[in-house]
């Protein structure tokens, strides 16, 4: 049987969907978008790199708290854990929402798809509540913390570690970035498990 010169074939007559695998860090995702009674299959290549910066505060008592929105002080430190993730999809979108008068207003959003098998720099994803319980020295875990007052930051590309000379404001100035507005955990599905992130 000869290979199909047109590329991967999606056979909607079968219960399983087969997608041809490409080179390393180039996987085909299938986005299933329901439009009326039909399904649209959208092939998206995942070969981009992002850096997730998980914000947390070491409070006055030395306790780690990622939900504390307060700025740093003489006894309270704001820190960021960086995790580089390779093999993801970053897409700039436009959302339309009504303004206070009910008129539709277009706004920019960002959609990020992180496959479960993406290269997570040897770290393991855990839920925000579990991340909050980690000790100060965290080198093995990352999370996606949505909708908090002072949010985590995701940048497009491989970002540097933050320090006293290069802080979060410098990072925002130098890289395309987004904060996390919404996270959908689809890692339990059978076909292409992933996290879907909507950024603003």
C-alpha atoms as a PDB file:
ATOM      1  CA  UNK A   1       0.000   0.000   0.000  1.00  0.00           C
ATOM      2  CA  UNK A   2       1.472   3.337  -1.093  1.00  0.00           C
ATOM      3  CA  UNK A   3       1.682   6.388   1.148  1.00  0.00           C
ATOM      4  CA  UNK A   4      -0.805   9.129   0.492  1.00  0.00           C
ATOM      5  CA  UNK A   5       1.120  12.058  -1.137  1.00  0.00           C
ATOM      6  CA  UNK A   6      -1.446  14.534   0.173  1.00  0.00           C
ATOM      7  CA  UNK A   7      -0.524  13.952   3.809  1.00  0.00           C
ATOM      8  CA  UNK A   8      -2.472  12.575   6.775  1.00  0.00           C
ATOM      9  CA  UNK A   9      -6.028  11.344   6.280  1.00  0.00           C
ATOM     10  CA  UNK A  10      -8.848  11.752   8.777  1.00  0.00           C
ATOM     11  CA  UNK A  11     -11.367   8.931   8.331  1.00  0.00           C
ATOM     12  CA  UNK A  12     -14.668  10.115   9.823  1.00  0.00           C
ATOM     13  CA  UNK A  13     -16.269   6.724   9.115  1.00  0.00           C
ATOM     14  CA  UNK A  14     -14.202   5.088  11.835  1.00  0.00           C
ATOM     15  CA  UNK A  15     -14.455   5.515  15.568  1.00  0.00           C
ATOM     16  CA  UNK A  16     -10.741   6.271  15.855  1.00  0.00           C
ATOM     17  CA  UNK A  17      -8.863   9.133  14.265  1.00  0.00           C
ATOM     18  CA  UNK A  18      -5.396   8.447  12.954  1.00  0.00           C
ATOM     19  CA  UNK A  19      -2.957  11.296  12.480  1.00  0.00           C
ATOM     20  CA  UNK A  20       0.426  10.913  10.864  1.00  0.00           C
ATOM     21  CA  UNK A  21       3.242  11.863  13.196  1.00  0.00           C
ATOM     22  CA  UNK A  22       5.915  14.274  11.955  1.00  0.00           C
ATOM     23  CA  UNK A  23       9.345  15.143  13.194  1.00  0.00           C
ATOM     24  CA  UNK A  24      10.133  15.483  16.883  1.00  0.00           C
ATOM     25  CA  UNK A  25       8.211  18.396  18.457  1.00  0.00           C
ATOM     26  CA  UNK A  26       5.934  18.571  15.383  1.00  0.00           C
ATOM     27  CA  UNK A  27       2.710  16.784  16.292  1.00  0.00           C
ATOM     28  CA  UNK A  28      -0.639  17.228  14.610  1.00  0.00           C
ATOM     29  CA  UNK A  29      -3.494  18.194  16.893  1.00  0.00           C
ATOM     30  CA  UNK A  30      -7.145  17.764  15.985  1.00  0.00           C
ATOM     31  CA  UNK A  31      -9.430  20.504  17.215  1.00  0.00           C
ATOM     32  CA  UNK A  32     -13.009  19.297  17.176  1.00  0.00           C
ATOM     33  CA  UNK A  33     -15.315  22.276  16.781  1.00  0.00           C
ATOM     34  CA  UNK A  34     -19.036  21.557  16.803  1.00  0.00           C
ATOM     35  CA  UNK A  35     -20.985  23.701  14.357  1.00  0.00           C
ATOM     36  CA  UNK A  36     -24.620  22.629  14.239  1.00  0.00           C
ATOM     37  CA  UNK A  37     -24.700  18.912  13.486  1.00  0.00           C
ATOM     38  CA  UNK A  38     -21.264  18.585  11.908  1.00  0.00           C
ATOM     39  CA  UNK A  39     -17.736  18.322  13.206  1.00  0.00           C
ATOM     40  CA  UNK A  40     -14.916  20.349  11.731  1.00  0.00           C
ATOM     41  CA  UNK A  41     -11.423  18.916  11.950  1.00  0.00           C
ATOM     42  CA  UNK A  42      -8.708  21.541  12.128  1.00  0.00           C
ATOM     43  CA  UNK A  43      -5.095  20.383  11.889  1.00  0.00           C
ATOM     44  CA  UNK A  44      -2.770  22.528  13.979  1.00  0.00           C
ATOM     45  CA  UNK A  45       0.968  21.946  14.155  1.00  0.00           C
ATOM     46  CA  UNK A  46       2.519  22.177  17.611  1.00  0.00           C
ATOM     47  CA  UNK A  47       6.142  23.180  17.318  1.00  0.00           C
ATOM     48  CA  UNK A  48       6.322  26.372  19.386  1.00  0.00           C
ATOM     49  CA  UNK A  49       7.946  27.069  22.745  1.00  0.00           C
ATOM     50  CA  UNK A  50       6.490  28.941  25.709  1.00  0.00           C
ATOM     51  CA  UNK A  51       7.759  29.834  29.172  1.00  0.00           C
ATOM     52  CA  UNK A  52       5.364  29.729  32.122  1.00  0.00           C
ATOM     53  CA  UNK A  53       6.185  31.990  35.073  1.00  0.00           C
ATOM     54  CA  UNK A  54       4.265  30.870  38.159  1.00  0.00           C
ATOM     55  CA  UNK A  55       3.987  33.746  40.628  1.00  0.00           C
ATOM     56  CA  UNK A  56       4.001  33.170  44.366  1.00  0.00           C
ATOM     57  CA  UNK A  57       4.677  35.137  47.540  1.00  0.00           C
ATOM     58  CA  UNK A  58       6.856  34.180  50.475  1.00  0.00           C
ATOM     59  CA  UNK A  59       4.812  35.893  53.173  1.00  0.00           C
ATOM     60  CA  UNK A  60       5.797  37.433  56.491  1.00  0.00           C
ATOM     61  CA  UNK A  61       5.900  33.975  58.101  1.00  0.00           C
ATOM     62  CA  UNK A  62       7.971  32.339  55.360  1.00  0.00           C
ATOM     63  CA  UNK A  63       4.949  30.536  53.872  1.00  0.00           C
ATOM     64  CA  UNK A  64       4.621  30.089  50.112  1.00  0.00           C
ATOM     65  CA  UNK A  65       1.344  31.545  48.756  1.00  0.00           C
ATOM     66  CA  UNK A  66       0.590  31.833  44.992  1.00  0.00           C
ATOM     67  CA  UNK A  67      -2.793  33.448  45.701  1.00  0.00           C
ATOM     68  CA  UNK A  68      -1.435  36.459  47.654  1.00  0.00           C
ATOM     69  CA  UNK A  69      -1.890  39.564  45.434  1.00  0.00           C
ATOM     70  CA  UNK A  70       0.051  41.934  47.696  1.00  0.00           C
ATOM     71  CA  UNK A  71       3.219  43.610  46.404  1.00  0.00           C
ATOM     72  CA  UNK A  72       6.611  42.832  47.921  1.00  0.00           C
ATOM     73  CA  UNK A  73       7.720  44.457  51.152  1.00  0.00           C
ATOM     74  CA  UNK A  74      10.716  44.339  53.469  1.00  0.00           C
ATOM     75  CA  UNK A  75       9.537  40.958  54.790  1.00  0.00           C
ATOM     76  CA  UNK A  76       7.441  39.680  51.881  1.00  0.00           C
ATOM     77  CA  UNK A  77       9.037  38.430  48.657  1.00  0.00           C
ATOM     78  CA  UNK A  78       7.401  37.955  45.248  1.00  0.00           C
ATOM     79  CA  UNK A  79       9.014  35.185  43.205  1.00  0.00           C
ATOM     80  CA  UNK A  80       8.401  33.413  39.896  1.00  0.00           C
ATOM     81  CA  UNK A  81       9.085  29.785  39.039  1.00  0.00           C
ATOM     82  CA  UNK A  82       9.939  29.435  35.330  1.00  0.00           C
ATOM     83  CA  UNK A  83       9.051  26.358  33.268  1.00  0.00           C
ATOM     84  CA  UNK A  84       9.985  26.114  29.585  1.00  0.00           C
ATOM     85  CA  UNK A  85       7.557  23.981  27.563  1.00  0.00           C
ATOM     86  CA  UNK A  86       8.377  22.902  24.003  1.00  0.00           C
ATOM     87  CA  UNK A  87       5.989  21.474  21.436  1.00  0.00           C
ATOM     88  CA  UNK A  88       2.911  23.664  21.990  1.00  0.00           C
ATOM     89  CA  UNK A  89       0.602  25.774  19.827  1.00  0.00           C
ATOM     90  CA  UNK A  90       0.212  29.564  20.340  1.00  0.00           C
ATOM     91  CA  UNK A  91      -2.517  31.306  18.341  1.00  0.00           C
ATOM     92  CA  UNK A  92      -3.641  34.946  18.350  1.00  0.00           C
ATOM     93  CA  UNK A  93      -7.437  35.195  18.332  1.00  0.00           C
ATOM     94  CA  UNK A  94     -10.114  37.875  18.350  1.00  0.00           C
ATOM     95  CA  UNK A  95     -13.094  37.638  20.691  1.00  0.00           C
ATOM     96  CA  UNK A  96     -16.300  39.647  20.347  1.00  0.00           C
ATOM     97  CA  UNK A  97     -18.061  40.685  23.562  1.00  0.00           C
ATOM     98  CA  UNK A  98     -20.760  43.281  24.283  1.00  0.00           C
ATOM     99  CA  UNK A  99     -19.759  46.565  25.920  1.00  0.00           C
ATOM    100  CA  UNK A 100     -21.752  48.302  28.680  1.00  0.00           C
ATOM    101  CA  UNK A 101     -24.250  49.538  26.071  1.00  0.00           C
ATOM    102  CA  UNK A 102     -24.673  46.099  24.521  1.00  0.00           C
ATOM    103  CA  UNK A 103     -22.675  46.917  21.380  1.00  0.00           C
ATOM    104  CA  UNK A 104     -20.281  44.198  20.156  1.00  0.00           C
ATOM    105  CA  UNK A 105     -16.640  44.994  20.832  1.00  0.00           C
ATOM    106  CA  UNK A 106     -13.710  43.076  19.381  1.00  0.00           C
ATOM    107  CA  UNK A 107     -10.849  42.232  21.700  1.00  0.00           C
ATOM    108  CA  UNK A 108      -7.624  40.312  21.334  1.00  0.00           C
ATOM    109  CA  UNK A 109      -7.170  36.967  23.056  1.00  0.00           C
ATOM    110  CA  UNK A 110      -4.547  34.248  22.856  1.00  0.00           C
ATOM    111  CA  UNK A 111      -5.192  30.512  22.618  1.00  0.00           C
ATOM    112  CA  UNK A 112      -2.463  28.147  23.794  1.00  0.00           C
ATOM    113  CA  UNK A 113      -2.670  24.372  23.405  1.00  0.00           C
ATOM    114  CA  UNK A 114      -0.244  22.352  25.533  1.00  0.00           C
ATOM    115  CA  UNK A 115      -0.234  18.636  24.657  1.00  0.00           C
ATOM    116  CA  UNK A 116       0.140  16.301  27.610  1.00  0.00           C
ATOM    117  CA  UNK A 117       3.275  14.834  26.008  1.00  0.00           C
ATOM    118  CA  UNK A 118       4.896  18.237  25.399  1.00  0.00           C
ATOM    119  CA  UNK A 119       8.455  18.663  26.680  1.00  0.00           C
ATOM    120  CA  UNK A 120       7.918  20.195  30.139  1.00  0.00           C
ATOM    121  CA  UNK A 121      11.625  20.501  30.998  1.00  0.00           C
ATOM    122  CA  UNK A 122      11.450  17.433  33.206  1.00  0.00           C
ATOM    123  CA  UNK A 123       8.773  18.941  35.461  1.00  0.00           C
ATOM    124  CA  UNK A 124       5.295  17.656  36.317  1.00  0.00           C
ATOM    125  CA  UNK A 125       2.050  19.640  36.111  1.00  0.00           C
ATOM    126  CA  UNK A 126       0.034  19.863  39.342  1.00  0.00           C
ATOM    127  CA  UNK A 127      -3.145  21.777  40.206  1.00  0.00           C
ATOM    128  CA  UNK A 128      -2.835  25.312  41.667  1.00  0.00           C
ATOM    129  CA  UNK A 129      -3.929  24.168  45.142  1.00  0.00           C
ATOM    130  CA  UNK A 130      -1.173  21.531  45.156  1.00  0.00           C
ATOM    131  CA  UNK A 131       1.329  24.072  43.851  1.00  0.00           C
ATOM    132  CA  UNK A 132       0.443  26.338  46.784  1.00  0.00           C
ATOM    133  CA  UNK A 133       1.425  23.591  49.225  1.00  0.00           C
ATOM    134  CA  UNK A 134       4.932  23.146  47.808  1.00  0.00           C
ATOM    135  CA  UNK A 135       8.005  24.159  49.797  1.00  0.00           C
ATOM    136  CA  UNK A 136       9.854  27.354  48.859  1.00  0.00           C
ATOM    137  CA  UNK A 137      12.410  25.473  46.782  1.00  0.00           C
ATOM    138  CA  UNK A 138      10.391  24.083  43.875  1.00  0.00           C
ATOM    139  CA  UNK A 139      12.259  22.624  40.914  1.00  0.00           C
ATOM    140  CA  UNK A 140       9.962  19.786  39.885  1.00  0.00           C
ATOM    141  CA  UNK A 141       6.454  21.185  39.315  1.00  0.00           C
ATOM    142  CA  UNK A 142       4.491  23.819  37.424  1.00  0.00           C
ATOM    143  CA  UNK A 143       0.841  24.844  37.223  1.00  0.00           C
ATOM    144  CA  UNK A 144      -1.723  26.960  35.346  1.00  0.00           C
ATOM    145  CA  UNK A 145      -3.317  29.391  37.793  1.00  0.00           C
ATOM    146  CA  UNK A 146      -6.233  31.242  36.240  1.00  0.00           C
ATOM    147  CA  UNK A 147      -8.050  34.443  37.128  1.00  0.00           C
ATOM    148  CA  UNK A 148      -6.023  35.563  40.154  1.00  0.00           C
ATOM    149  CA  UNK A 149      -5.482  39.233  41.018  1.00  0.00           C
ATOM    150  CA  UNK A 150      -1.783  39.243  40.110  1.00  0.00           C
ATOM    151  CA  UNK A 151      -1.648  36.487  37.502  1.00  0.00           C
ATOM    152  CA  UNK A 152       0.982  34.111  36.247  1.00  0.00           C
ATOM    153  CA  UNK A 153       2.666  35.098  32.990  1.00  0.00           C
ATOM    154  CA  UNK A 154       3.175  33.008  29.853  1.00  0.00           C
ATOM    155  CA  UNK A 155       5.561  34.266  27.183  1.00  0.00           C
ATOM    156  CA  UNK A 156       6.064  33.095  23.624  1.00  0.00           C
ATOM    157  CA  UNK A 157       9.582  31.716  23.392  1.00  0.00           C
ATOM    158  CA  UNK A 158      12.268  30.634  25.820  1.00  0.00           C
ATOM    159  CA  UNK A 159      12.506  33.277  28.518  1.00  0.00           C
ATOM    160  CA  UNK A 160      15.284  33.893  31.041  1.00  0.00           C
ATOM    161  CA  UNK A 161      15.236  33.317  34.762  1.00  0.00           C
ATOM    162  CA  UNK A 162      14.178  36.412  36.712  1.00  0.00           C
ATOM    163  CA  UNK A 163      16.483  38.129  39.179  1.00  0.00           C
ATOM    164  CA  UNK A 164      17.173  41.518  40.753  1.00  0.00           C
ATOM    165  CA  UNK A 165      18.577  42.880  37.478  1.00  0.00           C
ATOM    166  CA  UNK A 166      15.928  41.382  35.179  1.00  0.00           C
ATOM    167  CA  UNK A 167      12.448  41.453  36.702  1.00  0.00           C
ATOM    168  CA  UNK A 168       8.916  40.675  35.526  1.00  0.00           C
ATOM    169  CA  UNK A 169       8.447  44.159  34.034  1.00  0.00           C
ATOM    170  CA  UNK A 170      11.588  43.697  31.913  1.00  0.00           C
ATOM    171  CA  UNK A 171      10.215  40.355  30.752  1.00  0.00           C
ATOM    172  CA  UNK A 172       6.901  41.924  29.704  1.00  0.00           C
ATOM    173  CA  UNK A 173       8.756  44.604  27.743  1.00  0.00           C
ATOM    174  CA  UNK A 174      11.002  42.166  25.887  1.00  0.00           C
ATOM    175  CA  UNK A 175       8.647  39.264  25.063  1.00  0.00           C
ATOM    176  CA  UNK A 176       5.207  38.668  23.651  1.00  0.00           C
ATOM    177  CA  UNK A 177       3.231  37.606  26.701  1.00  0.00           C
ATOM    178  CA  UNK A 178      -0.192  36.875  28.160  1.00  0.00           C
ATOM    179  CA  UNK A 179      -1.813  36.265  31.512  1.00  0.00           C
ATOM    180  CA  UNK A 180      -4.101  33.286  32.118  1.00  0.00           C
ATOM    181  CA  UNK A 181      -7.833  34.002  31.930  1.00  0.00           C
ATOM    182  CA  UNK A 182      -9.148  30.445  31.584  1.00  0.00           C
ATOM    183  CA  UNK A 183      -7.793  26.896  31.639  1.00  0.00           C
ATOM    184  CA  UNK A 184      -9.510  23.765  30.316  1.00  0.00           C
ATOM    185  CA  UNK A 185      -7.950  20.508  31.487  1.00  0.00           C
ATOM    186  CA  UNK A 186      -8.487  18.021  28.664  1.00  0.00           C
ATOM    187  CA  UNK A 187      -5.724  15.650  29.722  1.00  0.00           C
ATOM    188  CA  UNK A 188      -8.179  12.866  30.462  1.00  0.00           C
ATOM    189  CA  UNK A 189      -9.517  12.489  26.910  1.00  0.00           C
ATOM    190  CA  UNK A 190      -8.557   9.555  24.705  1.00  0.00           C
ATOM    191  CA  UNK A 191      -7.551  11.543  21.612  1.00  0.00           C
ATOM    192  CA  UNK A 192      -4.711  14.060  21.955  1.00  0.00           C
ATOM    193  CA  UNK A 193      -4.940  14.936  25.675  1.00  0.00           C
ATOM    194  CA  UNK A 194      -3.969  18.557  26.350  1.00  0.00           C
ATOM    195  CA  UNK A 195      -4.442  21.728  28.373  1.00  0.00           C
ATOM    196  CA  UNK A 196      -6.226  24.579  26.591  1.00  0.00           C
ATOM    197  CA  UNK A 197      -5.347  28.065  27.857  1.00  0.00           C
ATOM    198  CA  UNK A 198      -7.105  31.313  26.971  1.00  0.00           C
ATOM    199  CA  UNK A 199      -4.945  34.356  27.585  1.00  0.00           C
ATOM    200  CA  UNK A 200      -5.678  38.077  27.653  1.00  0.00           C
END
